[in-house]
Structure formats: C-alpha cells, structure tokens
C-alpha cells in the first residue's frame, strides 16, 4: 500500500503512512479543514425537522 501523502511504501508503525511526518501532514490537513464533504451552506434550511425561530410552528405565545 502506498502512503496517501507522498506515495512511498507504507510502514507498519505509521500505517497507512510511510512516516510520522506524513501522518502529521494528514492530521494538519484535517485540523485546518483541508478535507471537507461538499454540501450546502451552513445557513440553508434543508428541512431538518427542527422549526426555526420564524417558522410559525410552536409559537404558543403569539396565539395568546
């Protein structure tokens, strides 16, 4: 198996990486947000089942 960072052969103590350096490079990418799953923006409502503050649902105070 090849190291996903530099393509050298992986070494057992650092599997799937070849060295501590490549493992640290990968960790740094994760921590900085270099790896992300594409998706909608954070402010978009995709119907998660939780009513928003302006949704008109469960506004008992307005009905009184």
PDB file of N, CA and C in Angstrom:
ATOM      1  N   UNK A   1       0.845  -1.161   0.000  1.00  0.00           N
ATOM      2  CA  UNK A   1       0.000   0.000   0.000  1.00  0.00           C
ATOM      3  C   UNK A   1       0.901   1.239   0.000  1.00  0.00           C
ATOM      4  N   UNK A   2       0.511   2.237  -0.758  1.00  0.00           N
ATOM      5  CA  UNK A   2       1.291   3.463  -0.863  1.00  0.00           C
ATOM      6  C   UNK A   2       0.765   4.519   0.107  1.00  0.00           C
ATOM      7  N   UNK A   3       1.677   5.325   0.612  1.00  0.00           N
ATOM      8  CA  UNK A   3       1.330   6.421   1.511  1.00  0.00           C
ATOM      9  C   UNK A   3       0.424   7.411   0.756  1.00  0.00           C
ATOM     10  N   UNK A   4      -0.710   7.812   1.340  1.00  0.00           N
ATOM     11  CA  UNK A   4      -1.610   8.733   0.645  1.00  0.00           C
ATOM     12  C   UNK A   4      -1.054  10.158   0.525  1.00  0.00           C
ATOM     13  N   UNK A   5       0.008  10.475   1.250  1.00  0.00           N
ATOM     14  CA  UNK A   5       0.586  11.817   1.187  1.00  0.00           C
ATOM     15  C   UNK A   5       1.694  11.903   0.145  1.00  0.00           C
ATOM     16  N   UNK A   6       2.657  10.957   0.190  1.00  0.00           N
ATOM     17  CA  UNK A   6       3.818  11.064  -0.708  1.00  0.00           C
ATOM     18  C   UNK A   6       3.981   9.883  -1.663  1.00  0.00           C
ATOM     19  N   UNK A   7       3.143   8.873  -1.551  1.00  0.00           N
ATOM     20  CA  UNK A   7       3.137   7.691  -2.429  1.00  0.00           C
ATOM     21  C   UNK A   7       4.292   6.716  -2.198  1.00  0.00           C
ATOM     22  N   UNK A   8       5.083   6.915  -1.155  1.00  0.00           N
ATOM     23  CA  UNK A   8       6.115   5.932  -0.814  1.00  0.00           C
ATOM     24  C   UNK A   8       5.426   4.732  -0.173  1.00  0.00           C
ATOM     25  N   UNK A   9       6.119   3.589  -0.089  1.00  0.00           N
ATOM     26  CA  UNK A   9       5.510   2.419   0.567  1.00  0.00           C
ATOM     27  C   UNK A   9       5.199   2.706   2.040  1.00  0.00           C
ATOM     28  N   UNK A  10       4.037   2.280   2.491  1.00  0.00           N
ATOM     29  CA  UNK A  10       3.624   2.488   3.883  1.00  0.00           C
ATOM     30  C   UNK A  10       4.475   1.639   4.821  1.00  0.00           C
ATOM     31  N   UNK A  11       4.725   2.166   6.000  1.00  0.00           N
ATOM     32  CA  UNK A  11       5.470   1.456   7.038  1.00  0.00           C
ATOM     33  C   UNK A  11       4.510   1.068   8.156  1.00  0.00           C
ATOM     34  N   UNK A  12       4.666  -0.138   8.672  1.00  0.00           N
ATOM     35  CA  UNK A  12       3.735  -0.677   9.658  1.00  0.00           C
ATOM     36  C   UNK A  12       3.493   0.237  10.869  1.00  0.00           C
ATOM     37  N   UNK A  13       4.513   0.832  11.477  1.00  0.00           N
ATOM     38  CA  UNK A  13       4.239   1.659  12.671  1.00  0.00           C
ATOM     39  C   UNK A  13       3.397   2.904  12.373  1.00  0.00           C
ATOM     40  N   UNK A  14       3.364   3.343  11.110  1.00  0.00           N
ATOM     41  CA  UNK A  14       2.649   4.576  10.745  1.00  0.00           C
ATOM     42  C   UNK A  14       1.504   4.321   9.780  1.00  0.00           C
ATOM     43  N   UNK A  15       1.160   3.073   9.565  1.00  0.00           N
ATOM     44  CA  UNK A  15       0.148   2.680   8.587  1.00  0.00           C
ATOM     45  C   UNK A  15      -1.105   3.552   8.698  1.00  0.00           C
ATOM     46  N   UNK A  16      -1.614   4.059   7.624  1.00  0.00           N
ATOM     47  CA  UNK A  16      -1.295   3.809   6.219  1.00  0.00           C
ATOM     48  C   UNK A  16      -0.231   4.745   5.648  1.00  0.00           C
ATOM     49  N   UNK A  17       0.484   5.454   6.510  1.00  0.00           N
ATOM     50  CA  UNK A  17       1.501   6.406   6.063  1.00  0.00           C
ATOM     51  C   UNK A  17       2.883   5.767   6.073  1.00  0.00           C
ATOM     52  N   UNK A  18       3.854   6.471   5.488  1.00  0.00           N
ATOM     53  CA  UNK A  18       5.220   5.941   5.436  1.00  0.00           C
ATOM     54  C   UNK A  18       6.058   6.443   6.602  1.00  0.00           C
ATOM     55  N   UNK A  19       5.646   7.529   7.230  1.00  0.00           N
ATOM     56  CA  UNK A  19       6.448   8.115   8.299  1.00  0.00           C
ATOM     57  C   UNK A  19       5.574   8.959   9.222  1.00  0.00           C
ATOM     58  N   UNK A  20       6.155   9.342  10.339  1.00  0.00           N
ATOM     59  CA  UNK A  20       5.461  10.222  11.287  1.00  0.00           C
ATOM     60  C   UNK A  20       5.164  11.567  10.624  1.00  0.00           C
ATOM     61  N   UNK A  21       6.079  12.038   9.782  1.00  0.00           N
ATOM     62  CA  UNK A  21       5.899  13.308   9.097  1.00  0.00           C
ATOM     63  C   UNK A  21       4.639  13.298   8.237  1.00  0.00           C
ATOM     64  N   UNK A  22       4.446  12.261   7.431  1.00  0.00           N
ATOM     65  CA  UNK A  22       3.264  12.178   6.574  1.00  0.00           C
ATOM     66  C   UNK A  22       1.987  12.051   7.407  1.00  0.00           C
ATOM     67  N   UNK A  23       2.059  11.324   8.523  1.00  0.00           N
ATOM     68  CA  UNK A  23       0.901  11.223   9.410  1.00  0.00           C
ATOM     69  C   UNK A  23       0.560  12.594   9.977  1.00  0.00           C
ATOM     70  N   UNK A  24       1.581  13.378  10.343  1.00  0.00           N
ATOM     71  CA  UNK A  24       1.352  14.723  10.869  1.00  0.00           C
ATOM     72  C   UNK A  24       0.817  15.672   9.799  1.00  0.00           C
ATOM     73  N   UNK A  25       1.277  15.525   8.573  1.00  0.00           N
ATOM     74  CA  UNK A  25       0.753  16.343   7.470  1.00  0.00           C
ATOM     75  C   UNK A  25      -0.737  16.071   7.288  1.00  0.00           C
ATOM     76  N   UNK A  26      -1.124  14.798   7.330  1.00  0.00           N
ATOM     77  CA  UNK A  26      -2.531  14.432   7.183  1.00  0.00           C
ATOM     78  C   UNK A  26      -3.362  14.997   8.335  1.00  0.00           C
ATOM     79  N   UNK A  27      -2.874  14.877   9.573  1.00  0.00           N
ATOM     80  CA  UNK A  27      -3.579  15.415  10.729  1.00  0.00           C
ATOM     81  C   UNK A  27      -3.748  16.924  10.601  1.00  0.00           C
ATOM     82  N   UNK A  28      -2.714  17.599  10.158  1.00  0.00           N
ATOM     83  CA  UNK A  28      -2.785  19.047   9.975  1.00  0.00           C
ATOM     84  C   UNK A  28      -3.851  19.428   8.951  1.00  0.00           C
ATOM     85  N   UNK A  29      -3.941  18.662   7.881  1.00  0.00           N
ATOM     86  CA  UNK A  29      -4.982  18.935   6.871  1.00  0.00           C
ATOM     87  C   UNK A  29      -6.380  18.780   7.462  1.00  0.00           C
ATOM     88  N   UNK A  30      -6.566  17.755   8.300  1.00  0.00           N
ATOM     89  CA  UNK A  30      -7.864  17.558   8.951  1.00  0.00           C
ATOM     90  C   UNK A  30      -8.186  18.730   9.866  1.00  0.00           C
ATOM     91  N   UNK A  31      -7.214  19.127  10.694  1.00  0.00           N
ATOM     92  CA  UNK A  31      -7.453  20.177  11.674  1.00  0.00           C
ATOM     93  C   UNK A  31      -7.694  21.547  11.041  1.00  0.00           C
ATOM     94  N   UNK A  32      -7.086  21.795   9.879  1.00  0.00           N
ATOM     95  CA  UNK A  32      -7.260  23.073   9.191  1.00  0.00           C
ATOM     96  C   UNK A  32      -8.477  23.079   8.270  1.00  0.00           C
ATOM     97  N   UNK A  33      -9.196  21.964   8.185  1.00  0.00           N
ATOM     98  CA  UNK A  33     -10.375  21.891   7.334  1.00  0.00           C
ATOM     99  C   UNK A  33     -10.060  21.628   5.878  1.00  0.00           C
ATOM    100  N   UNK A  34      -8.895  21.083   5.616  1.00  0.00           N
ATOM    101  CA  UNK A  34      -8.491  20.785   4.241  1.00  0.00           C
ATOM    102  C   UNK A  34      -9.315  19.670   3.613  1.00  0.00           C
ATOM    103  N   UNK A  35      -9.856  18.801   4.442  1.00  0.00           N
ATOM    104  CA  UNK A  35     -10.725  17.736   3.961  1.00  0.00           C
ATOM    105  C   UNK A  35     -12.150  18.122   4.328  1.00  0.00           C
ATOM    106  N   UNK A  36     -13.023  18.162   3.353  1.00  0.00           N
ATOM    107  CA  UNK A  36     -14.412  18.523   3.636  1.00  0.00           C
ATOM    108  C   UNK A  36     -15.330  17.792   2.673  1.00  0.00           C
ATOM    109  N   UNK A  37     -16.516  17.506   3.123  1.00  0.00           N
ATOM    110  CA  UNK A  37     -17.530  16.894   2.285  1.00  0.00           C
ATOM    111  C   UNK A  37     -18.332  18.017   1.646  1.00  0.00           C
ATOM    112  N   UNK A  38     -18.416  18.053   0.313  1.00  0.00           N
ATOM    113  CA  UNK A  38     -19.175  19.117  -0.334  1.00  0.00           C
ATOM    114  C   UNK A  38     -20.643  19.068   0.078  1.00  0.00           C
ATOM    115  N   UNK A  39     -21.233  20.214   0.267  1.00  0.00           N
ATOM    116  CA  UNK A  39     -22.631  20.272   0.667  1.00  0.00           C
ATOM    117  C   UNK A  39     -23.136  21.695   0.628  1.00  0.00           C
ATOM    118  N   UNK A  40     -24.355  21.872   1.093  1.00  0.00           N
ATOM    119  CA  UNK A  40     -24.963  23.189   1.120  1.00  0.00           C
ATOM    120  C   UNK A  40     -24.318  24.071   2.174  1.00  0.00           C
ATOM    121  N   UNK A  41     -24.607  25.357   2.077  1.00  0.00           N
ATOM    122  CA  UNK A  41     -24.080  26.315   3.028  1.00  0.00           C
ATOM    123  C   UNK A  41     -24.653  26.113   4.414  1.00  0.00           C
ATOM    124  N   UNK A  42     -24.006  26.658   5.402  1.00  0.00           N
ATOM    125  CA  UNK A  42     -24.412  26.471   6.789  1.00  0.00           C
ATOM    126  C   UNK A  42     -25.740  27.146   7.098  1.00  0.00           C
ATOM    127  N   UNK A  43     -26.105  28.192   6.393  1.00  0.00           N
ATOM    128  CA  UNK A  43     -27.323  28.923   6.682  1.00  0.00           C
ATOM    129  C   UNK A  43     -28.545  28.415   5.937  1.00  0.00           C
ATOM    130  N   UNK A  44     -28.397  27.395   5.134  1.00  0.00           N
ATOM    131  CA  UNK A  44     -29.516  26.902   4.345  1.00  0.00           C
ATOM    132  C   UNK A  44     -30.383  25.958   5.162  1.00  0.00           C
ATOM    133  N   UNK A  45     -31.713  26.097   5.039  1.00  0.00           N
ATOM    134  CA  UNK A  45     -32.650  25.221   5.741  1.00  0.00           C
ATOM    135  C   UNK A  45     -33.013  24.080   4.814  1.00  0.00           C
ATOM    136  N   UNK A  46     -32.652  22.878   5.210  1.00  0.00           N
ATOM    137  CA  UNK A  46     -32.932  21.708   4.385  1.00  0.00           C
ATOM    138  C   UNK A  46     -33.985  20.824   5.009  1.00  0.00           C
ATOM    139  N   UNK A  47     -34.841  21.392   5.851  1.00  0.00           N
ATOM    140  CA  UNK A  47     -35.903  20.603   6.438  1.00  0.00           C
ATOM    141  C   UNK A  47     -35.396  19.559   7.393  1.00  0.00           C
ATOM    142  N   UNK A  48     -34.637  19.958   8.390  1.00  0.00           N
ATOM    143  CA  UNK A  48     -34.061  19.008   9.330  1.00  0.00           C
ATOM    144  C   UNK A  48     -35.042  18.575  10.410  1.00  0.00           C
ATOM    145  N   UNK A  49     -36.285  19.055  10.330  1.00  0.00           N
ATOM    146  CA  UNK A  49     -37.286  18.651  11.297  1.00  0.00           C
ATOM    147  C   UNK A  49     -37.353  19.553  12.509  1.00  0.00           C
ATOM    148  N   UNK A  50     -36.444  20.486  12.624  1.00  0.00           N
ATOM    149  CA  UNK A  50     -36.439  21.405  13.753  1.00  0.00           C
ATOM    150  C   UNK A  50     -36.955  22.755  13.271  1.00  0.00           C
ATOM    151  N   UNK A  51     -38.082  23.228  13.838  1.00  0.00           N
ATOM    152  CA  UNK A  51     -38.616  24.502  13.376  1.00  0.00           C
ATOM    153  C   UNK A  51     -37.688  25.652  13.738  1.00  0.00           C
ATOM    154  N   UNK A  52     -37.536  26.581  12.815  1.00  0.00           N
ATOM    155  CA  UNK A  52     -36.708  27.754  13.045  1.00  0.00           C
ATOM    156  C   UNK A  52     -37.463  28.802  13.824  1.00  0.00           C
ATOM    157  N   UNK A  53     -36.793  29.882  14.206  1.00  0.00           N
ATOM    158  CA  UNK A  53     -37.435  30.901  15.023  1.00  0.00           C
ATOM    159  C   UNK A  53     -38.561  31.639  14.296  1.00  0.00           C
ATOM    160  N   UNK A  54     -38.541  31.684  12.985  1.00  0.00           N
ATOM    161  CA  UNK A  54     -39.564  32.384  12.212  1.00  0.00           C
ATOM    162  C   UNK A  54     -40.446  31.442  11.417  1.00  0.00           C
ATOM    163  N   UNK A  55     -40.503  30.180  11.805  1.00  0.00           N
ATOM    164  CA  UNK A  55     -41.229  29.191  11.009  1.00  0.00           C
ATOM    165  C   UNK A  55     -42.732  29.233  11.224  1.00  0.00           C
ATOM    166  N   UNK A  56     -43.190  29.851  12.307  1.00  0.00           N
ATOM    167  CA  UNK A  56     -44.625  29.886  12.589  1.00  0.00           C
ATOM    168  C   UNK A  56     -45.108  28.664  13.325  1.00  0.00           C
ATOM    169  N   UNK A  57     -44.235  27.690  13.560  1.00  0.00           N
ATOM    170  CA  UNK A  57     -44.620  26.491  14.284  1.00  0.00           C
ATOM    171  C   UNK A  57     -44.302  26.660  15.762  1.00  0.00           C
ATOM    172  N   UNK A  58     -45.162  26.136  16.604  1.00  0.00           N
ATOM    173  CA  UNK A  58     -44.952  26.136  18.051  1.00  0.00           C
ATOM    174  C   UNK A  58     -44.787  27.536  18.632  1.00  0.00           C
ATOM    175  N   UNK A  59     -45.477  28.498  18.084  1.00  0.00           N
ATOM    176  CA  UNK A  59     -45.420  29.851  18.624  1.00  0.00           C
ATOM    177  C   UNK A  59     -46.640  30.082  19.493  1.00  0.00           C
ATOM    178  N   UNK A  60     -46.715  29.392  20.627  1.00  0.00           N
ATOM    179  CA  UNK A  60     -47.855  29.488  21.525  1.00  0.00           C
ATOM    180  C   UNK A  60     -48.022  30.884  22.087  1.00  0.00           C
ATOM    181  N   UNK A  61     -46.962  31.615  22.279  1.00  0.00           N
ATOM    182  CA  UNK A  61     -47.052  32.950  22.856  1.00  0.00           C
ATOM    183  C   UNK A  61     -47.789  33.914  21.938  1.00  0.00           C
ATOM    184  N   UNK A  62     -47.663  33.735  20.634  1.00  0.00           N
ATOM    185  CA  UNK A  62     -48.331  34.637  19.695  1.00  0.00           C
ATOM    186  C   UNK A  62     -49.827  34.379  19.641  1.00  0.00           C
ATOM    187  N   UNK A  63     -50.270  33.169  19.976  1.00  0.00           N
ATOM    188  CA  UNK A  63     -51.686  32.822  19.884  1.00  0.00           C
ATOM    189  C   UNK A  63     -52.476  33.288  21.108  1.00  0.00           C
ATOM    190  N   UNK A  64     -51.814  33.707  22.159  1.00  0.00           N
ATOM    191  CA  UNK A  64     -52.487  34.090  23.397  1.00  0.00           C
ATOM    192  C   UNK A  64     -53.062  35.463  23.340  1.00  0.00           C
TER     193      UNK A  64
END
